[in-house]
Protein backbone atom coordinates (compact mmCIF):
# COMPACT_ATOMS: atom_id res chain seq x y z
CA MET A 1 -10.19 17.80 -22.62
CA ASP A 2 -7.79 20.38 -23.89
CA PHE A 3 -4.37 18.76 -23.97
CA SER A 4 -2.96 21.95 -25.46
CA SER A 5 -3.46 23.61 -22.06
CA ILE A 6 -0.92 21.28 -20.46
CA ASN A 7 2.39 22.79 -19.46
CA TRP A 8 4.66 19.82 -20.16
CA LEU A 9 7.57 21.30 -18.20
CA ALA A 10 5.28 21.48 -15.16
CA VAL A 11 4.34 17.82 -15.74
CA VAL A 12 8.00 16.77 -15.78
CA ILE A 13 8.70 18.80 -12.63
CA CYS A 14 5.74 17.10 -10.92
CA VAL A 15 7.07 13.65 -11.81
CA VAL A 16 10.53 14.52 -10.50
CA PHE A 17 8.92 15.94 -7.35
CA SER A 18 6.95 12.72 -6.81
CA MET A 19 10.09 10.59 -7.12
CA VAL A 20 12.01 12.79 -4.67
CA SER A 21 9.12 13.01 -2.21
CA GLY A 22 8.64 9.24 -2.35
CA PHE A 23 12.34 8.69 -1.73
CA ILE A 24 12.14 10.93 1.35
CA TRP A 25 8.73 9.70 2.57
CA TYR A 26 9.63 6.02 2.39
CA ASN A 27 13.16 6.52 3.69
CA PRO A 28 14.18 4.02 6.42
CA LYS A 29 14.59 6.96 8.79
CA LEU A 30 11.04 8.18 8.19
CA PHE A 31 7.97 6.06 7.35
CA PHE A 32 9.39 3.00 5.61
CA PRO A 33 9.79 0.75 8.69
CA ALA A 34 6.24 1.40 9.94
CA TRP A 35 4.79 1.01 6.44
CA TRP A 36 6.76 -2.18 5.73
CA ALA A 37 5.65 -3.77 8.99
CA GLY A 38 2.09 -2.51 8.48
CA ILE A 39 1.76 -4.30 5.15
CA GLY A 40 2.96 -7.49 6.80
CA LYS A 41 6.45 -7.69 5.35
CA THR A 42 9.52 -8.86 7.23
CA GLY A 43 13.23 -8.29 6.72
CA ASP A 44 14.95 -5.08 5.81
CA GLY A 45 12.79 -4.55 2.74
CA SER A 46 15.52 -2.93 0.73
CA MET A 47 14.26 -1.15 -2.34
CA GLU A 48 16.78 -3.02 -4.48
CA ALA A 49 14.20 -5.80 -4.54
CA ALA A 50 11.92 -3.60 -6.67
CA GLY A 51 12.45 -4.51 -10.29
CA ALA A 52 12.78 -2.20 -13.27
CA SER A 53 9.09 -2.63 -14.11
CA THR A 54 8.15 -1.26 -10.68
CA TRP A 55 10.19 1.89 -11.24
CA ILE A 56 9.00 2.33 -14.83
CA LEU A 57 5.35 1.96 -13.86
CA THR A 58 5.87 4.34 -10.92
CA ILE A 59 7.19 6.98 -13.31
CA VAL A 60 4.36 6.33 -15.79
CA ALA A 61 1.81 6.65 -12.96
CA GLY A 62 3.41 9.96 -11.95
CA PHE A 63 3.09 11.22 -15.53
CA VAL A 64 -0.57 10.20 -15.72
CA GLN A 65 -1.31 11.91 -12.39
CA ALA A 66 0.53 15.07 -13.41
CA ILE A 67 -1.17 15.26 -16.81
CA PHE A 68 -4.63 14.87 -15.34
CA MET A 69 -3.80 17.22 -12.48
CA SER A 70 -2.90 19.80 -15.10
CA LEU A 71 -6.19 19.26 -16.91
CA MET A 72 -8.18 19.50 -13.66
CA VAL A 73 -6.32 22.54 -12.33
CA ASN A 74 -6.94 24.35 -15.62
CA ALA A 75 -10.62 23.33 -15.66
CA MET A 76 -11.21 24.21 -12.01
CA GLY A 77 -9.26 27.45 -12.33
CA SER A 78 -11.35 28.54 -15.29
CA MET A 79 -14.44 28.28 -13.07
CA THR A 80 -12.97 30.32 -10.23
CA GLY A 81 -11.38 33.25 -11.99
CA GLY A 82 -8.00 31.92 -13.00
CA VAL A 83 -5.26 29.43 -12.35
CA THR A 84 -2.82 30.34 -9.60
CA LEU A 85 -0.52 28.54 -7.21
CA ALA A 86 -3.23 28.74 -4.53
CA SER A 87 -6.06 27.56 -6.79
CA GLY A 88 -3.84 24.72 -8.03
CA ALA A 89 -2.94 23.61 -4.51
CA THR A 90 -6.62 23.78 -3.54
CA ALA A 91 -7.60 21.71 -6.57
CA GLY A 92 -4.94 19.14 -5.66
CA PHE A 93 -6.24 18.95 -2.10
CA MET A 94 -9.85 18.61 -3.22
CA LEU A 95 -9.00 15.86 -5.72
CA TRP A 96 -7.02 14.03 -3.03
CA LEU A 97 -9.83 14.43 -0.48
CA GLY A 98 -12.60 13.38 -2.84
CA PHE A 99 -10.95 10.57 -4.78
CA VAL A 100 -7.57 9.41 -3.51
CA ALA A 101 -8.02 9.35 0.27
CA PRO A 102 -11.34 7.48 0.39
CA THR A 103 -10.42 5.02 -2.37
CA ASN A 104 -7.09 4.26 -0.72
CA LEU A 105 -8.84 3.92 2.68
CA VAL A 106 -11.22 1.26 1.39
CA ASN A 107 -8.35 -0.62 -0.26
CA LYS A 108 -6.24 -0.58 2.92
CA LEU A 109 -9.12 -1.64 5.16
CA PHE A 110 -10.13 -4.58 2.96
CA ALA A 111 -6.49 -5.60 2.60
CA GLY A 112 -6.29 -5.69 6.40
CA HIS A 113 -3.57 -3.04 6.52
CA GLY A 114 -5.44 -0.64 8.79
CA LEU A 115 -5.37 3.07 9.37
CA LYS A 116 -1.64 3.42 10.02
CA VAL A 117 -0.69 2.15 6.57
CA TRP A 118 -3.50 4.23 5.07
CA ALA A 119 -2.21 7.37 6.81
CA ILE A 120 1.32 6.77 5.55
CA GLU A 121 0.27 6.11 1.96
CA ALA A 122 -2.47 8.73 1.82
CA GLY A 123 -0.11 11.26 3.41
CA ASN A 124 2.38 10.77 0.60
CA HIS A 125 -0.39 11.16 -1.97
CA LEU A 126 -1.61 14.31 -0.20
CA VAL A 127 1.82 15.90 -0.39
CA ASN A 128 2.10 14.99 -4.07
CA PHE A 129 -1.38 16.12 -5.09
CA VAL A 130 -1.12 19.47 -3.34
CA ALA A 131 2.40 20.01 -4.72
CA PHE A 132 1.34 18.94 -8.24
CA GLY A 133 -1.56 21.39 -8.14
CA ALA A 134 0.66 24.17 -6.82
CA ILE A 135 3.35 23.52 -9.44
CA VAL A 136 0.86 23.41 -12.30
CA GLY A 137 -0.96 26.48 -10.97
CA ALA A 138 2.23 28.47 -10.50
CA MET A 139 3.43 27.64 -14.00
CA ALA A 140 0.10 28.36 -15.75
């Protein structure tokens, strides 16, 4: 692993992107009501109930994802002739398809949440992984 290949500005932009995309994705006017009901919760489910540790760990998780996306985009790009926006987005999609989507599917099915919740959550991860790859690739 070559941590010197990481563009730290790209990592920060990815984390900010993930926070903004999550805010939009789980907005009460978009997917939040269906997701909230799908995980078996009742009430308005206001995000104020999420404590500081939830937000801190969400940001940390975004940093970890962005750092490893950078490492993977650089590694995959070196095998295909270079790192570009397109190769980064493709790497993000392939990582999502091979690791995130199936793992999340199994978790949702065994939790009894079903395909609707999986589609909502996996869709958000898809947007983030493709965007992370594209950002890292474009800034390489």
